[in-house]
Amino acid sequence: MIAAWCHQQLLAPFSFEGCCHRTVFELWLEFILIPTLKPGQTLVLDNATFHKGGRIAELVEAAQCRLLYLPPYSPDLNKIEKC
């Protein structure tokens, strides 16, 4: 499952079978999460390898949103880990 967390609410949940990789993440980002975002919002990601590279920055910037990565090894800052 992939989801976002915003204002104490789970957003854009997406359930799939198998492992998450960049292709799955980019499809979720483009077709499920980004349509729910408002310009100016910040997308905070951890440092999973599939969160970096590919079209991720391009998709987020096209939605007029910002992209911010958490420091390495900081699950205490990753709110979705507490869901």
N, C-alpha and C. Protein backbone atom coordinates (compact mmCIF):
# COMPACT_ATOMS: atom_id res chain seq x y z
N MET A 1 0.83 -1.18 0.00
CA MET A 1 0.00 0.00 0.00
C MET A 1 0.88 1.24 0.00
N ILE A 2 0.46 2.22 -0.79
CA ILE A 2 1.10 3.53 -0.81
C ILE A 2 0.01 4.53 -0.39
N ALA A 3 0.40 5.53 0.37
CA ALA A 3 -0.54 6.58 0.76
C ALA A 3 0.24 7.82 1.17
N ALA A 4 -0.47 8.91 1.30
CA ALA A 4 0.11 10.16 1.80
C ALA A 4 -0.61 10.51 3.10
N TRP A 5 0.02 11.36 3.90
CA TRP A 5 -0.54 11.77 5.18
C TRP A 5 -0.55 13.30 5.20
N CYS A 6 -1.74 13.89 5.39
CA CYS A 6 -1.85 15.35 5.38
C CYS A 6 -2.92 15.78 6.37
N HIS A 7 -2.56 16.65 7.30
CA HIS A 7 -3.51 17.18 8.29
C HIS A 7 -4.26 16.05 8.99
N GLN A 8 -3.52 15.09 9.49
CA GLN A 8 -4.09 13.97 10.26
C GLN A 8 -5.04 13.10 9.43
N GLN A 9 -4.86 13.08 8.11
CA GLN A 9 -5.74 12.32 7.24
C GLN A 9 -4.92 11.55 6.20
N LEU A 10 -5.32 10.32 5.97
CA LEU A 10 -4.70 9.49 4.94
C LEU A 10 -5.23 9.93 3.59
N LEU A 11 -4.33 10.20 2.65
CA LEU A 11 -4.72 10.63 1.30
C LEU A 11 -4.26 9.63 0.26
N ALA A 12 -5.02 9.50 -0.78
CA ALA A 12 -4.65 8.75 -1.98
C ALA A 12 -4.12 7.35 -1.69
N PRO A 13 -4.81 6.57 -0.86
CA PRO A 13 -4.33 5.20 -0.62
C PRO A 13 -4.42 4.36 -1.89
N PHE A 14 -3.41 3.55 -2.10
CA PHE A 14 -3.34 2.71 -3.30
C PHE A 14 -2.77 1.36 -2.88
N SER A 15 -3.55 0.33 -3.08
CA SER A 15 -3.15 -1.03 -2.71
C SER A 15 -2.74 -1.78 -3.97
N PHE A 16 -1.65 -2.52 -3.87
CA PHE A 16 -1.16 -3.30 -5.01
C PHE A 16 -0.45 -4.53 -4.48
N GLU A 17 -0.25 -5.50 -5.35
CA GLU A 17 0.49 -6.70 -4.97
C GLU A 17 1.93 -6.56 -5.42
N GLY A 18 2.85 -7.11 -4.64
CA GLY A 18 4.26 -7.08 -5.00
C GLY A 18 5.00 -5.96 -4.31
N CYS A 19 6.21 -5.73 -4.78
CA CYS A 19 7.09 -4.71 -4.19
C CYS A 19 6.85 -3.36 -4.84
N CYS A 20 7.08 -2.33 -4.07
CA CYS A 20 7.01 -0.99 -4.64
C CYS A 20 8.35 -0.69 -5.31
N HIS A 21 8.26 -0.10 -6.47
CA HIS A 21 9.46 0.33 -7.20
C HIS A 21 9.12 1.65 -7.90
N ARG A 22 10.07 2.22 -8.57
CA ARG A 22 9.89 3.56 -9.13
C ARG A 22 8.68 3.63 -10.06
N THR A 23 8.46 2.64 -10.91
CA THR A 23 7.33 2.68 -11.84
C THR A 23 6.00 2.76 -11.10
N VAL A 24 5.82 1.90 -10.10
CA VAL A 24 4.59 1.91 -9.30
C VAL A 24 4.45 3.26 -8.60
N PHE A 25 5.53 3.75 -8.00
CA PHE A 25 5.47 5.02 -7.28
C PHE A 25 5.13 6.18 -8.21
N GLU A 26 5.75 6.23 -9.39
CA GLU A 26 5.47 7.31 -10.33
C GLU A 26 4.02 7.27 -10.81
N LEU A 27 3.49 6.08 -11.08
CA LEU A 27 2.09 5.96 -11.50
C LEU A 27 1.15 6.44 -10.41
N TRP A 28 1.42 6.03 -9.16
CA TRP A 28 0.61 6.49 -8.02
C TRP A 28 0.70 8.01 -7.90
N LEU A 29 1.90 8.54 -7.99
CA LEU A 29 2.11 9.97 -7.85
C LEU A 29 1.33 10.74 -8.93
N GLU A 30 1.49 10.33 -10.17
CA GLU A 30 0.89 11.05 -11.29
C GLU A 30 -0.63 10.95 -11.34
N PHE A 31 -1.15 9.76 -11.13
CA PHE A 31 -2.58 9.54 -11.37
C PHE A 31 -3.45 9.50 -10.12
N ILE A 32 -2.85 9.33 -8.95
CA ILE A 32 -3.65 9.22 -7.73
C ILE A 32 -3.36 10.36 -6.75
N LEU A 33 -2.09 10.60 -6.43
CA LEU A 33 -1.80 11.64 -5.43
C LEU A 33 -1.87 13.05 -6.00
N ILE A 34 -1.17 13.32 -7.07
CA ILE A 34 -1.08 14.69 -7.59
C ILE A 34 -2.45 15.31 -7.86
N PRO A 35 -3.42 14.58 -8.39
CA PRO A 35 -4.74 15.21 -8.57
C PRO A 35 -5.39 15.69 -7.27
N THR A 36 -4.92 15.21 -6.12
CA THR A 36 -5.49 15.64 -4.83
C THR A 36 -4.72 16.82 -4.23
N LEU A 37 -3.56 17.15 -4.79
CA LEU A 37 -2.73 18.22 -4.22
C LEU A 37 -3.15 19.59 -4.72
N LYS A 38 -2.83 20.60 -3.92
CA LYS A 38 -3.06 21.98 -4.29
C LYS A 38 -1.70 22.63 -4.57
N PRO A 39 -1.63 23.56 -5.54
CA PRO A 39 -0.37 24.25 -5.78
C PRO A 39 0.18 24.85 -4.49
N GLY A 40 1.48 24.72 -4.33
CA GLY A 40 2.15 25.25 -3.15
C GLY A 40 2.34 24.24 -2.03
N GLN A 41 1.67 23.09 -2.11
CA GLN A 41 1.87 22.08 -1.07
C GLN A 41 3.26 21.46 -1.21
N THR A 42 3.75 20.92 -0.10
CA THR A 42 5.06 20.28 -0.07
C THR A 42 4.89 18.79 0.11
N LEU A 43 5.55 18.04 -0.73
CA LEU A 43 5.56 16.58 -0.64
C LEU A 43 6.85 16.18 0.07
N VAL A 44 6.72 15.56 1.23
CA VAL A 44 7.87 15.14 2.03
C VAL A 44 8.05 13.64 1.85
N LEU A 45 9.23 13.23 1.41
CA LEU A 45 9.53 11.83 1.15
C LEU A 45 10.73 11.38 1.96
N ASP A 46 10.75 10.09 2.28
CA ASP A 46 11.96 9.55 2.89
C ASP A 46 12.94 9.23 1.77
N ASN A 47 14.01 8.56 2.09
CA ASN A 47 15.07 8.34 1.11
C ASN A 47 15.03 6.97 0.46
N ALA A 48 13.84 6.37 0.35
CA ALA A 48 13.73 5.11 -0.38
C ALA A 48 14.23 5.36 -1.81
N THR A 49 14.94 4.40 -2.36
CA THR A 49 15.53 4.61 -3.68
C THR A 49 14.49 4.93 -4.74
N PHE A 50 13.29 4.36 -4.64
CA PHE A 50 12.28 4.63 -5.66
C PHE A 50 11.64 6.01 -5.51
N HIS A 51 11.96 6.75 -4.45
CA HIS A 51 11.47 8.11 -4.28
C HIS A 51 12.34 9.12 -5.02
N LYS A 52 13.46 8.68 -5.54
CA LYS A 52 14.40 9.60 -6.18
C LYS A 52 14.59 9.22 -7.64
N GLY A 53 14.89 10.22 -8.46
CA GLY A 53 15.16 9.97 -9.86
C GLY A 53 13.90 9.82 -10.68
N GLY A 54 14.08 9.33 -11.89
CA GLY A 54 12.94 9.16 -12.78
C GLY A 54 12.24 10.49 -13.02
N ARG A 55 10.92 10.45 -13.03
CA ARG A 55 10.10 11.62 -13.31
C ARG A 55 9.54 12.28 -12.06
N ILE A 56 9.98 11.88 -10.90
CA ILE A 56 9.36 12.32 -9.65
C ILE A 56 9.44 13.84 -9.48
N ALA A 57 10.61 14.42 -9.58
CA ALA A 57 10.75 15.87 -9.42
C ALA A 57 9.95 16.60 -10.50
N GLU A 58 10.00 16.11 -11.71
CA GLU A 58 9.27 16.72 -12.82
C GLU A 58 7.75 16.72 -12.56
N LEU A 59 7.22 15.60 -12.08
CA LEU A 59 5.78 15.50 -11.80
C LEU A 59 5.36 16.45 -10.68
N VAL A 60 6.17 16.51 -9.63
CA VAL A 60 5.84 17.37 -8.49
C VAL A 60 5.93 18.84 -8.89
N GLU A 61 6.96 19.21 -9.63
CA GLU A 61 7.10 20.60 -10.07
C GLU A 61 5.98 20.99 -11.03
N ALA A 62 5.57 20.08 -11.91
CA ALA A 62 4.47 20.37 -12.85
C ALA A 62 3.16 20.63 -12.11
N ALA A 63 3.02 20.05 -10.93
CA ALA A 63 1.83 20.27 -10.09
C ALA A 63 1.97 21.53 -9.25
N GLN A 64 3.06 22.27 -9.45
CA GLN A 64 3.37 23.49 -8.70
C GLN A 64 3.48 23.23 -7.21
N CYS A 65 4.06 22.08 -6.88
CA CYS A 65 4.30 21.70 -5.49
C CYS A 65 5.81 21.61 -5.27
N ARG A 66 6.19 21.50 -4.00
CA ARG A 66 7.61 21.39 -3.65
C ARG A 66 7.91 19.97 -3.20
N LEU A 67 9.15 19.58 -3.37
CA LEU A 67 9.62 18.26 -2.99
C LEU A 67 10.69 18.43 -1.92
N LEU A 68 10.54 17.72 -0.81
CA LEU A 68 11.48 17.80 0.30
C LEU A 68 11.79 16.39 0.77
N TYR A 69 13.07 16.07 0.91
CA TYR A 69 13.48 14.75 1.39
C TYR A 69 13.89 14.83 2.86
N LEU A 70 13.47 13.85 3.63
CA LEU A 70 13.87 13.75 5.04
C LEU A 70 15.35 13.41 5.12
N PRO A 71 16.01 13.76 6.23
CA PRO A 71 17.39 13.32 6.41
C PRO A 71 17.45 11.79 6.45
N PRO A 72 18.57 11.21 6.05
CA PRO A 72 18.70 9.75 6.11
C PRO A 72 18.48 9.23 7.54
N TYR A 73 17.91 8.05 7.62
CA TYR A 73 17.72 7.35 8.90
C TYR A 73 16.96 8.19 9.92
N SER A 74 15.80 8.71 9.52
CA SER A 74 15.01 9.53 10.44
C SER A 74 13.54 9.11 10.46
N PRO A 75 13.27 7.86 10.81
CA PRO A 75 11.87 7.42 10.84
C PRO A 75 11.02 8.20 11.85
N ASP A 76 11.67 8.82 12.84
CA ASP A 76 10.94 9.62 13.83
C ASP A 76 10.30 10.86 13.19
N LEU A 77 10.84 11.31 12.06
CA LEU A 77 10.28 12.46 11.35
C LEU A 77 9.27 12.06 10.29
N ASN A 78 9.17 10.78 10.00
CA ASN A 78 8.31 10.27 8.93
C ASN A 78 6.93 9.95 9.50
N LYS A 79 6.00 10.88 9.37
CA LYS A 79 4.66 10.76 9.97
C LYS A 79 3.91 9.52 9.50
N ILE A 80 4.09 9.12 8.25
CA ILE A 80 3.34 7.97 7.73
C ILE A 80 3.75 6.68 8.42
N GLU A 81 4.95 6.64 8.99
CA GLU A 81 5.41 5.44 9.70
C GLU A 81 4.57 5.19 10.96
N LYS A 82 3.90 6.21 11.45
CA LYS A 82 3.09 6.08 12.66
C LYS A 82 1.65 5.68 12.37
N CYS A 83 1.27 5.58 11.10
CA CYS A 83 -0.11 5.23 10.72
C CYS A 83 -0.39 3.76 10.94
